[in-house]
N, C-alpha and C. Protein backbone atom coordinates (compact mmCIF):
# COMPACT_ATOMS: atom_id res chain seq x y z
N MET A 1 0.81 -1.19 0.00
CA MET A 1 0.00 0.00 0.00
C MET A 1 0.86 1.27 0.00
N LYS A 2 1.95 1.20 0.77
CA LYS A 2 2.85 2.34 0.84
C LYS A 2 3.52 2.59 -0.51
N ASN A 3 3.89 1.52 -1.24
CA ASN A 3 4.49 1.64 -2.56
C ASN A 3 3.51 2.24 -3.56
N LEU A 4 2.24 1.83 -3.51
CA LEU A 4 1.22 2.36 -4.40
C LEU A 4 1.04 3.85 -4.17
N LYS A 5 1.00 4.26 -2.91
CA LYS A 5 0.85 5.68 -2.58
C LYS A 5 2.06 6.47 -3.10
N SER A 6 3.25 5.91 -2.97
CA SER A 6 4.47 6.56 -3.44
C SER A 6 4.45 6.71 -4.97
N ILE A 7 3.99 5.69 -5.66
CA ILE A 7 3.89 5.73 -7.12
C ILE A 7 2.88 6.79 -7.55
N ILE A 8 1.75 6.85 -6.89
CA ILE A 8 0.71 7.83 -7.24
C ILE A 8 1.22 9.26 -7.02
N VAL A 9 1.88 9.49 -5.88
CA VAL A 9 2.40 10.82 -5.57
C VAL A 9 3.46 11.22 -6.60
N THR A 10 4.34 10.30 -6.94
CA THR A 10 5.38 10.57 -7.94
C THR A 10 4.76 10.86 -9.30
N THR A 11 3.77 10.08 -9.69
CA THR A 11 3.09 10.26 -10.97
C THR A 11 2.40 11.62 -11.04
N VAL A 12 1.70 11.97 -9.98
CA VAL A 12 1.00 13.26 -9.95
C VAL A 12 2.02 14.40 -10.00
N ALA A 13 3.10 14.27 -9.23
CA ALA A 13 4.13 15.32 -9.21
C ALA A 13 4.75 15.49 -10.59
N LEU A 14 5.10 14.39 -11.26
CA LEU A 14 5.68 14.47 -12.59
C LEU A 14 4.70 15.03 -13.61
N THR A 15 3.44 14.68 -13.49
CA THR A 15 2.41 15.20 -14.38
C THR A 15 2.29 16.71 -14.23
N VAL A 16 2.25 17.17 -12.99
CA VAL A 16 2.16 18.62 -12.73
C VAL A 16 3.38 19.34 -13.29
N ILE A 17 4.56 18.78 -13.10
CA ILE A 17 5.79 19.38 -13.62
C ILE A 17 5.74 19.44 -15.15
N CYS A 18 5.30 18.37 -15.78
CA CYS A 18 5.20 18.33 -17.25
C CYS A 18 4.20 19.36 -17.76
N VAL A 19 3.07 19.49 -17.11
CA VAL A 19 2.05 20.45 -17.53
C VAL A 19 2.60 21.88 -17.39
N ILE A 20 3.25 22.16 -16.28
CA ILE A 20 3.83 23.50 -16.07
C ILE A 20 4.91 23.79 -17.12
N ALA A 21 5.79 22.82 -17.36
CA ALA A 21 6.86 23.00 -18.35
C ALA A 21 6.28 23.21 -19.74
N ALA A 22 5.27 22.44 -20.13
CA ALA A 22 4.64 22.59 -21.44
C ALA A 22 3.97 23.95 -21.57
N ALA A 23 3.30 24.38 -20.52
CA ALA A 23 2.65 25.69 -20.54
C ALA A 23 3.70 26.81 -20.67
N ALA A 24 4.80 26.67 -19.96
CA ALA A 24 5.87 27.68 -20.04
C ALA A 24 6.47 27.72 -21.44
N LEU A 25 6.70 26.56 -22.04
CA LEU A 25 7.23 26.51 -23.40
C LEU A 25 6.25 27.11 -24.40
N GLY A 26 4.99 26.79 -24.24
CA GLY A 26 3.96 27.33 -25.13
C GLY A 26 3.86 28.85 -25.01
N PHE A 27 3.92 29.34 -23.80
CA PHE A 27 3.87 30.78 -23.56
C PHE A 27 5.10 31.48 -24.16
N THR A 28 6.26 30.88 -23.97
CA THR A 28 7.50 31.45 -24.53
C THR A 28 7.44 31.46 -26.06
N ASN A 29 6.93 30.38 -26.64
CA ASN A 29 6.79 30.30 -28.10
C ASN A 29 5.85 31.39 -28.60
N LYS A 30 4.75 31.58 -27.89
CA LYS A 30 3.78 32.60 -28.30
C LYS A 30 4.40 33.99 -28.23
N LEU A 31 5.21 34.24 -27.20
CA LEU A 31 5.86 35.54 -27.06
C LEU A 31 6.91 35.79 -28.13
N THR A 32 7.63 34.76 -28.53
CA THR A 32 8.76 34.94 -29.44
C THR A 32 8.44 34.67 -30.91
N ALA A 33 7.33 34.03 -31.22
CA ALA A 33 7.01 33.64 -32.60
C ALA A 33 6.99 34.83 -33.55
N SER A 34 6.36 35.92 -33.16
CA SER A 34 6.29 37.07 -34.07
C SER A 34 7.66 37.71 -34.25
N LYS A 35 8.46 37.75 -33.20
CA LYS A 35 9.81 38.32 -33.31
C LYS A 35 10.68 37.45 -34.22
N ILE A 36 10.58 36.15 -34.08
CA ILE A 36 11.35 35.23 -34.93
C ILE A 36 10.94 35.42 -36.39
N ALA A 37 9.64 35.49 -36.65
CA ALA A 37 9.14 35.70 -38.01
C ALA A 37 9.64 37.03 -38.57
N GLU A 38 9.65 38.06 -37.74
CA GLU A 38 10.14 39.39 -38.14
C GLU A 38 11.62 39.33 -38.52
N VAL A 39 12.42 38.64 -37.73
CA VAL A 39 13.85 38.49 -38.00
C VAL A 39 14.06 37.71 -39.29
N ASP A 40 13.27 36.65 -39.51
CA ASP A 40 13.38 35.87 -40.74
C ASP A 40 13.06 36.71 -41.98
N ILE A 41 12.01 37.52 -41.89
CA ILE A 41 11.63 38.38 -43.02
C ILE A 41 12.73 39.40 -43.30
N LYS A 42 13.29 39.99 -42.25
CA LYS A 42 14.38 40.96 -42.42
C LYS A 42 15.59 40.29 -43.08
N ALA A 43 15.92 39.08 -42.64
CA ALA A 43 17.07 38.35 -43.21
C ALA A 43 16.83 38.05 -44.68
N GLU A 44 15.60 37.67 -45.04
CA GLU A 44 15.31 37.38 -46.44
C GLU A 44 15.37 38.65 -47.30
N LYS A 45 14.90 39.76 -46.77
CA LYS A 45 14.97 41.02 -47.53
C LYS A 45 16.43 41.44 -47.73
N GLU A 46 17.26 41.25 -46.73
CA GLU A 46 18.68 41.56 -46.87
C GLU A 46 19.33 40.63 -47.90
N ALA A 47 18.94 39.36 -47.89
CA ALA A 47 19.47 38.41 -48.86
C ALA A 47 19.07 38.80 -50.28
N MET A 48 17.85 39.33 -50.45
CA MET A 48 17.41 39.76 -51.79
C MET A 48 18.36 40.80 -52.35
N THR A 49 18.79 41.73 -51.51
CA THR A 49 19.69 42.78 -52.00
C THR A 49 21.06 42.22 -52.35
N ARG A 50 21.42 41.09 -51.76
CA ARG A 50 22.71 40.49 -52.09
C ARG A 50 22.65 39.66 -53.38
N VAL A 51 21.49 39.08 -53.71
CA VAL A 51 21.42 38.28 -54.94
C VAL A 51 21.12 39.15 -56.16
N ILE A 52 20.36 40.23 -55.98
CA ILE A 52 20.18 41.26 -57.02
C ILE A 52 19.87 42.57 -56.29
N ALA A 53 20.81 43.49 -56.34
CA ALA A 53 20.60 44.80 -55.72
C ALA A 53 19.65 45.60 -56.60
N ALA A 54 18.58 46.12 -55.99
CA ALA A 54 17.58 46.86 -56.75
C ALA A 54 16.98 47.96 -55.88
N ALA A 55 16.33 48.91 -56.53
CA ALA A 55 15.65 49.99 -55.82
C ALA A 55 14.35 49.48 -55.21
N GLU A 56 13.71 48.52 -55.90
CA GLU A 56 12.41 48.03 -55.46
C GLU A 56 12.25 46.56 -55.83
N TYR A 57 11.46 45.86 -55.02
CA TYR A 57 11.14 44.45 -55.28
C TYR A 57 9.62 44.33 -55.28
N ARG A 58 9.05 44.00 -56.43
CA ARG A 58 7.60 43.84 -56.54
C ARG A 58 7.25 42.35 -56.48
N GLU A 59 6.36 42.02 -55.59
CA GLU A 59 5.97 40.62 -55.38
C GLU A 59 5.00 40.16 -56.46
N GLY A 60 5.19 38.91 -56.88
CA GLY A 60 4.29 38.28 -57.82
C GLY A 60 4.21 36.79 -57.52
N THR A 61 3.30 36.10 -58.17
CA THR A 61 3.20 34.65 -58.02
C THR A 61 3.10 34.01 -59.39
N VAL A 62 3.57 32.80 -59.46
CA VAL A 62 3.53 32.03 -60.70
C VAL A 62 3.39 30.56 -60.33
N THR A 63 2.76 29.79 -61.21
CA THR A 63 2.64 28.36 -60.99
C THR A 63 3.58 27.64 -61.94
N SER A 64 4.31 26.68 -61.39
CA SER A 64 5.24 25.87 -62.19
C SER A 64 5.14 24.44 -61.70
N ASP A 65 4.93 23.52 -62.61
CA ASP A 65 4.78 22.10 -62.28
C ASP A 65 3.74 21.88 -61.18
N GLY A 66 2.65 22.64 -61.24
CA GLY A 66 1.55 22.48 -60.30
C GLY A 66 1.79 23.09 -58.93
N GLU A 67 2.92 23.75 -58.73
CA GLU A 67 3.24 24.36 -57.43
C GLU A 67 3.29 25.88 -57.59
N LYS A 68 2.74 26.59 -56.62
CA LYS A 68 2.70 28.05 -56.66
C LYS A 68 3.96 28.62 -56.00
N TYR A 69 4.59 29.58 -56.67
CA TYR A 69 5.81 30.20 -56.17
C TYR A 69 5.61 31.71 -56.06
N THR A 70 6.17 32.28 -55.01
CA THR A 70 6.23 33.73 -54.88
C THR A 70 7.59 34.16 -55.40
N TYR A 71 7.60 35.18 -56.22
CA TYR A 71 8.86 35.72 -56.73
C TYR A 71 8.81 37.24 -56.60
N TYR A 72 9.95 37.86 -56.76
CA TYR A 72 10.05 39.31 -56.68
C TYR A 72 10.73 39.82 -57.94
N THR A 73 10.12 40.82 -58.57
CA THR A 73 10.72 41.48 -59.72
C THR A 73 11.59 42.59 -59.17
N ALA A 74 12.88 42.51 -59.45
CA ALA A 74 13.83 43.52 -58.99
C ALA A 74 13.91 44.62 -60.03
N THR A 75 13.63 45.87 -59.62
CA THR A 75 13.60 46.97 -60.57
C THR A 75 14.48 48.14 -60.10
N GLU A 76 14.90 48.92 -61.10
CA GLU A 76 15.59 50.18 -60.84
C GLU A 76 14.55 51.22 -60.41
N ALA A 77 14.99 52.37 -59.96
CA ALA A 77 14.08 53.43 -59.55
C ALA A 77 13.19 53.89 -60.71
N ASP A 78 13.71 53.80 -61.96
CA ASP A 78 12.92 54.21 -63.13
C ASP A 78 11.95 53.12 -63.60
N GLY A 79 11.92 51.99 -62.90
CA GLY A 79 10.99 50.91 -63.24
C GLY A 79 11.57 49.84 -64.16
N SER A 80 12.79 50.04 -64.67
CA SER A 80 13.37 49.03 -65.55
C SER A 80 13.71 47.77 -64.75
N VAL A 81 13.42 46.63 -65.34
CA VAL A 81 13.57 45.34 -64.67
C VAL A 81 15.03 44.88 -64.74
N LEU A 82 15.57 44.56 -63.56
CA LEU A 82 16.92 44.02 -63.46
C LEU A 82 16.93 42.50 -63.49
N GLY A 83 15.87 41.92 -62.91
CA GLY A 83 15.79 40.47 -62.84
C GLY A 83 14.73 40.03 -61.85
N TYR A 84 14.88 38.81 -61.38
CA TYR A 84 13.87 38.20 -60.52
C TYR A 84 14.55 37.46 -59.37
N VAL A 85 13.88 37.46 -58.23
CA VAL A 85 14.39 36.78 -57.05
C VAL A 85 13.32 35.80 -56.58
N LEU A 86 13.72 34.56 -56.35
CA LEU A 86 12.79 33.60 -55.78
C LEU A 86 13.52 32.62 -54.89
N THR A 87 12.77 32.05 -53.98
CA THR A 87 13.32 31.10 -53.02
C THR A 87 12.73 29.73 -53.30
N THR A 88 13.61 28.74 -53.37
CA THR A 88 13.18 27.36 -53.60
C THR A 88 13.86 26.47 -52.57
N THR A 89 13.34 25.27 -52.45
CA THR A 89 13.93 24.29 -51.53
C THR A 89 14.13 22.97 -52.27
N ALA A 90 15.01 22.16 -51.72
CA ALA A 90 15.22 20.80 -52.23
C ALA A 90 15.66 19.94 -51.05
N ASN A 91 15.45 18.66 -51.17
CA ASN A 91 15.81 17.74 -50.09
C ASN A 91 17.32 17.53 -50.05
N GLY A 92 17.89 17.75 -48.87
CA GLY A 92 19.31 17.51 -48.65
C GLY A 92 19.50 16.24 -47.85
N TYR A 93 20.65 16.12 -47.23
CA TYR A 93 20.97 14.93 -46.44
C TYR A 93 20.14 14.87 -45.16
N GLY A 94 19.96 16.04 -44.49
CA GLY A 94 19.28 16.06 -43.21
C GLY A 94 17.93 16.73 -43.23
N GLY A 95 17.47 17.16 -44.38
CA GLY A 95 16.19 17.87 -44.47
C GLY A 95 16.19 18.80 -45.66
N LYS A 96 15.31 19.78 -45.60
CA LYS A 96 15.19 20.75 -46.70
C LYS A 96 16.35 21.74 -46.67
N VAL A 97 16.85 22.06 -47.86
CA VAL A 97 17.85 23.11 -48.04
C VAL A 97 17.13 24.23 -48.76
N LYS A 98 17.18 25.45 -48.18
CA LYS A 98 16.46 26.60 -48.71
C LYS A 98 17.45 27.55 -49.38
N VAL A 99 17.16 27.88 -50.65
CA VAL A 99 18.07 28.68 -51.45
C VAL A 99 17.33 29.86 -52.08
N MET A 100 17.91 31.06 -51.97
CA MET A 100 17.38 32.23 -52.67
C MET A 100 18.22 32.42 -53.92
N VAL A 101 17.53 32.60 -55.05
CA VAL A 101 18.20 32.70 -56.34
C VAL A 101 17.82 34.03 -57.00
N GLY A 102 18.84 34.75 -57.45
CA GLY A 102 18.64 35.96 -58.24
C GLY A 102 18.94 35.63 -59.69
N LEU A 103 18.00 35.94 -60.57
CA LEU A 103 18.15 35.66 -62.00
C LEU A 103 18.04 36.97 -62.77
N ASP A 104 18.95 37.19 -63.71
CA ASP A 104 18.85 38.40 -64.52
C ASP A 104 17.73 38.22 -65.55
N VAL A 105 17.47 39.24 -66.35
CA VAL A 105 16.35 39.19 -67.29
C VAL A 105 16.50 38.14 -68.38
N SER A 106 17.72 37.65 -68.59
CA SER A 106 17.93 36.61 -69.60
C SER A 106 17.81 35.20 -69.01
N GLY A 107 17.59 35.10 -67.69
CA GLY A 107 17.46 33.79 -67.06
C GLY A 107 18.78 33.20 -66.60
N THR A 108 19.80 34.02 -66.49
CA THR A 108 21.10 33.58 -66.01
C THR A 108 21.19 33.87 -64.51
N VAL A 109 21.80 32.97 -63.77
CA VAL A 109 21.94 33.15 -62.32
C VAL A 109 22.85 34.34 -62.06
N ALA A 110 22.30 35.36 -61.41
CA ALA A 110 23.10 36.52 -61.00
C ALA A 110 23.88 36.15 -59.74
N ALA A 111 23.17 35.55 -58.79
CA ALA A 111 23.79 35.11 -57.54
C ALA A 111 22.78 34.24 -56.80
N ILE A 112 23.29 33.45 -55.89
CA ILE A 112 22.41 32.68 -55.00
C ILE A 112 22.90 32.89 -53.57
N GLU A 113 22.02 32.57 -52.66
CA GLU A 113 22.42 32.53 -51.25
C GLU A 113 21.67 31.38 -50.60
N VAL A 114 22.41 30.53 -49.92
CA VAL A 114 21.79 29.43 -49.19
C VAL A 114 21.26 30.01 -47.89
N LEU A 115 19.93 30.02 -47.74
CA LEU A 115 19.31 30.60 -46.56
C LEU A 115 19.29 29.64 -45.39
N ASP A 116 19.15 28.34 -45.68
CA ASP A 116 19.09 27.38 -44.59
C ASP A 116 19.63 26.03 -45.03
N ALA A 117 20.73 25.65 -44.41
CA ALA A 117 21.30 24.31 -44.58
C ALA A 117 21.62 23.77 -43.19
N SER A 118 20.87 24.25 -42.19
CA SER A 118 21.17 23.94 -40.79
C SER A 118 20.97 22.47 -40.43
N ASN A 119 20.19 21.75 -41.23
CA ASN A 119 19.98 20.33 -40.93
C ASN A 119 21.02 19.42 -41.59
N GLU A 120 21.92 20.03 -42.34
CA GLU A 120 22.96 19.25 -43.02
C GLU A 120 24.11 18.97 -42.06
N THR A 121 24.96 18.04 -42.42
CA THR A 121 26.05 17.61 -41.55
C THR A 121 27.02 18.75 -41.28
N PRO A 122 27.26 19.07 -39.98
CA PRO A 122 28.22 20.13 -39.66
C PRO A 122 29.60 19.81 -40.22
N GLY A 123 30.26 20.82 -40.76
CA GLY A 123 31.60 20.65 -41.31
C GLY A 123 31.63 20.06 -42.71
N LEU A 124 30.49 19.57 -43.19
CA LEU A 124 30.41 19.02 -44.55
C LEU A 124 29.27 19.72 -45.30
N GLY A 125 28.07 19.24 -45.12
CA GLY A 125 26.92 19.79 -45.82
C GLY A 125 26.61 21.23 -45.46
N GLN A 126 26.89 21.61 -44.21
CA GLN A 126 26.62 22.99 -43.82
C GLN A 126 27.56 23.98 -44.51
N ASN A 127 28.61 23.46 -45.15
CA ASN A 127 29.49 24.32 -45.94
C ASN A 127 28.77 24.90 -47.15
N ALA A 128 27.60 24.39 -47.46
CA ALA A 128 26.80 24.94 -48.56
C ALA A 128 26.43 26.39 -48.28
N ALA A 129 26.39 26.77 -47.03
CA ALA A 129 26.04 28.14 -46.66
C ALA A 129 27.22 29.10 -46.79
N LYS A 130 28.37 28.58 -47.21
CA LYS A 130 29.55 29.44 -47.37
C LYS A 130 29.58 30.04 -48.77
N LYS A 131 29.94 31.32 -48.81
CA LYS A 131 29.98 32.05 -50.07
C LYS A 131 30.90 31.37 -51.08
N SER A 132 31.99 30.79 -50.61
CA SER A 132 32.94 30.14 -51.52
C SER A 132 32.29 29.00 -52.31
N PHE A 133 31.26 28.37 -51.74
CA PHE A 133 30.55 27.32 -52.47
C PHE A 133 29.52 27.92 -53.41
N TRP A 134 28.65 28.78 -52.89
CA TRP A 134 27.53 29.20 -53.72
C TRP A 134 27.85 30.26 -54.75
N GLU A 135 29.01 30.92 -54.65
CA GLU A 135 29.31 31.91 -55.68
C GLU A 135 29.64 31.27 -57.03
N GLN A 136 29.91 29.97 -57.04
CA GLN A 136 30.21 29.30 -58.32
C GLN A 136 28.96 29.14 -59.20
N PHE A 137 27.76 29.41 -58.66
CA PHE A 137 26.53 29.33 -59.46
C PHE A 137 26.34 30.56 -60.34
N SER A 138 26.97 31.67 -59.98
CA SER A 138 26.82 32.92 -60.75
C SER A 138 27.23 32.72 -62.20
N GLY A 139 26.40 33.24 -63.09
CA GLY A 139 26.69 33.16 -64.52
C GLY A 139 26.21 31.88 -65.19
N LYS A 140 25.65 30.97 -64.42
CA LYS A 140 25.16 29.70 -64.99
C LYS A 140 23.72 29.87 -65.47
N SER A 141 23.36 29.08 -66.47
CA SER A 141 21.99 29.06 -66.96
C SER A 141 21.68 27.66 -67.48
N GLY A 142 20.45 27.48 -67.93
CA GLY A 142 20.07 26.14 -68.40
C GLY A 142 19.97 25.18 -67.23
N GLU A 143 20.36 23.95 -67.46
CA GLU A 143 20.35 22.97 -66.37
C GLU A 143 21.77 22.82 -65.83
N ILE A 144 21.92 23.13 -64.57
CA ILE A 144 23.23 23.07 -63.93
C ILE A 144 23.47 21.63 -63.46
N LYS A 145 24.69 21.17 -63.66
CA LYS A 145 25.07 19.82 -63.25
C LYS A 145 26.20 19.92 -62.22
N VAL A 146 26.51 18.80 -61.59
CA VAL A 146 27.57 18.74 -60.58
C VAL A 146 28.74 17.92 -61.13
N ALA A 147 29.94 18.43 -60.95
CA ALA A 147 31.15 17.70 -61.35
C ALA A 147 31.98 17.44 -60.10
N LYS A 148 32.57 16.26 -60.04
CA LYS A 148 33.43 15.93 -58.89
C LYS A 148 34.74 16.72 -58.97
N ARG A 149 35.21 16.98 -60.20
CA ARG A 149 36.41 17.81 -60.40
C ARG A 149 36.35 18.45 -61.77
N ASN A 150 37.03 19.55 -61.92
CA ASN A 150 37.11 20.30 -63.17
C ASN A 150 35.74 20.58 -63.79
N PRO A 151 34.92 21.38 -63.13
CA PRO A 151 33.58 21.66 -63.68
C PRO A 151 33.65 22.43 -64.99
N GLY A 152 32.71 22.10 -65.86
CA GLY A 152 32.59 22.77 -67.15
C GLY A 152 31.71 24.00 -67.07
N LYS A 153 31.26 24.46 -68.24
CA LYS A 153 30.51 25.71 -68.36
C LYS A 153 29.28 25.78 -67.45
N ASP A 154 28.42 24.82 -67.50
CA ASP A 154 27.21 24.83 -66.68
C ASP A 154 27.26 23.75 -65.61
N GLU A 155 28.43 23.61 -64.99
CA GLU A 155 28.62 22.66 -63.88
C GLU A 155 29.20 23.41 -62.69
N ILE A 156 28.97 22.83 -61.53
CA ILE A 156 29.57 23.36 -60.31
C ILE A 156 30.38 22.24 -59.66
N GLN A 157 31.36 22.62 -58.87
CA GLN A 157 32.23 21.68 -58.17
C GLN A 157 31.50 21.14 -56.94
N ALA A 158 31.42 19.82 -56.79
CA ALA A 158 30.78 19.21 -55.63
C ALA A 158 31.62 19.47 -54.38
N MET A 159 30.93 19.61 -53.26
CA MET A 159 31.64 19.73 -51.97
C MET A 159 32.11 18.33 -51.57
N THR A 160 33.34 18.23 -51.17
CA THR A 160 33.89 16.95 -50.74
C THR A 160 33.13 16.44 -49.53
N GLY A 161 32.64 15.21 -49.61
CA GLY A 161 31.94 14.58 -48.50
C GLY A 161 30.51 15.04 -48.33
N ALA A 162 30.01 15.85 -49.26
CA ALA A 162 28.65 16.37 -49.12
C ALA A 162 27.93 16.41 -50.47
N THR A 163 28.01 15.29 -51.17
CA THR A 163 27.41 15.20 -52.50
C THR A 163 25.90 15.41 -52.45
N ILE A 164 25.24 14.87 -51.44
CA ILE A 164 23.78 15.00 -51.35
C ILE A 164 23.39 16.46 -51.15
N THR A 165 24.12 17.15 -50.29
CA THR A 165 23.83 18.57 -50.06
C THR A 165 24.15 19.39 -51.31
N THR A 166 25.26 19.08 -51.97
CA THR A 166 25.61 19.76 -53.23
C THR A 166 24.47 19.61 -54.22
N ASN A 167 23.96 18.40 -54.36
CA ASN A 167 22.86 18.14 -55.29
C ASN A 167 21.59 18.86 -54.86
N ALA A 168 21.37 18.99 -53.56
CA ALA A 168 20.18 19.71 -53.07
C ALA A 168 20.23 21.17 -53.49
N VAL A 169 21.38 21.80 -53.31
CA VAL A 169 21.52 23.20 -53.72
C VAL A 169 21.35 23.32 -55.23
N LYS A 170 22.01 22.44 -55.97
CA LYS A 170 21.89 22.43 -57.43
C LYS A 170 20.44 22.25 -57.85
N ASN A 171 19.74 21.32 -57.20
CA ASN A 171 18.33 21.07 -57.55
C ASN A 171 17.46 22.28 -57.24
N ALA A 172 17.74 22.95 -56.13
CA ALA A 172 16.96 24.15 -55.79
C ALA A 172 17.20 25.25 -56.82
N VAL A 173 18.44 25.42 -57.25
CA VAL A 173 18.76 26.43 -58.27
C VAL A 173 18.12 26.04 -59.61
N ASN A 174 18.20 24.77 -59.98
CA ASN A 174 17.57 24.32 -61.22
C ASN A 174 16.06 24.51 -61.18
N LYS A 175 15.47 24.31 -60.00
CA LYS A 175 14.03 24.54 -59.85
C LYS A 175 13.72 26.02 -60.09
N ALA A 176 14.56 26.91 -59.55
CA ALA A 176 14.37 28.35 -59.78
C ALA A 176 14.50 28.69 -61.26
N LEU A 177 15.46 28.08 -61.93
CA LEU A 177 15.62 28.31 -63.37
C LEU A 177 14.40 27.84 -64.15
N SER A 178 13.82 26.73 -63.72
CA SER A 178 12.61 26.22 -64.36
C SER A 178 11.42 27.16 -64.10
N VAL A 179 11.31 27.64 -62.87
CA VAL A 179 10.23 28.58 -62.53
C VAL A 179 10.41 29.87 -63.33
N TYR A 180 11.65 30.29 -63.54
CA TYR A 180 11.92 31.50 -64.31
C TYR A 180 11.28 31.43 -65.69
N SER A 181 11.34 30.28 -66.33
CA SER A 181 10.75 30.17 -67.67
C SER A 181 9.25 30.47 -67.63
N ASN A 182 8.57 30.08 -66.54
CA ASN A 182 7.16 30.39 -66.38
C ASN A 182 6.97 31.89 -66.11
N ILE A 183 7.87 32.48 -65.33
CA ILE A 183 7.81 33.91 -65.05
C ILE A 183 7.99 34.67 -66.37
N ALA A 184 9.00 34.30 -67.16
CA ALA A 184 9.28 34.97 -68.42
C ALA A 184 8.08 34.89 -69.36
N THR A 185 7.45 33.71 -69.39
CA THR A 185 6.27 33.53 -70.24
C THR A 185 5.13 34.43 -69.77
N GLU A 186 4.91 34.46 -68.45
CA GLU A 186 3.83 35.27 -67.89
C GLU A 186 4.11 36.77 -68.07
N VAL A 187 5.31 37.20 -67.82
CA VAL A 187 5.67 38.60 -67.97
C VAL A 187 5.59 39.00 -69.44
N GLY A 188 6.05 38.12 -70.31
CA GLY A 188 6.00 38.38 -71.74
C GLY A 188 4.57 38.52 -72.25
N SER A 189 3.65 37.71 -71.73
CA SER A 189 2.27 37.75 -72.18
C SER A 189 1.52 38.94 -71.57
N ASN A 190 2.07 39.50 -70.47
CA ASN A 190 1.40 40.65 -69.85
C ASN A 190 2.01 41.97 -70.32
N GLY A 191 2.93 41.90 -71.25
CA GLY A 191 3.49 43.11 -71.82
C GLY A 191 4.67 43.56 -71.07
């Protein structure tokens, strides 16, 4: 009987602790969620200026392969179009890899920035977030491929030990290039 009472008291105490801890976590999440979202939006806007510097970014949407994408038309102060910015994702080794791609008006990669590779292997796949890796995408168009060594015109050098992550970034950029063709078609038909 004494053991049963001890088990019940322990169970009730642990339950109360768990409920309090869950409530505290929920409250903290509610307090910080808007601030986190605000920081994420600011980081993405800053990244846009790094992939294509422009006076203004006008938001638009386009459908490609049955999926809806938000893109931004990067323009000069006089309204002339510099290019387009869009964010795509692809499956990496540890989860989704998120990439922002800037494309000039001809559909050539102006620049990319890996926004999130945090689920990739530290010291290997997370190197995708380094400028030295992603700057090799600049100037590429068409379908980009991966080379283990000596990349050609529309190829990029694979990261050693992180082939899956390399392919994820490449796939995200290729997805952006594919979406661009739909943007170009839509913009062309709208004058």
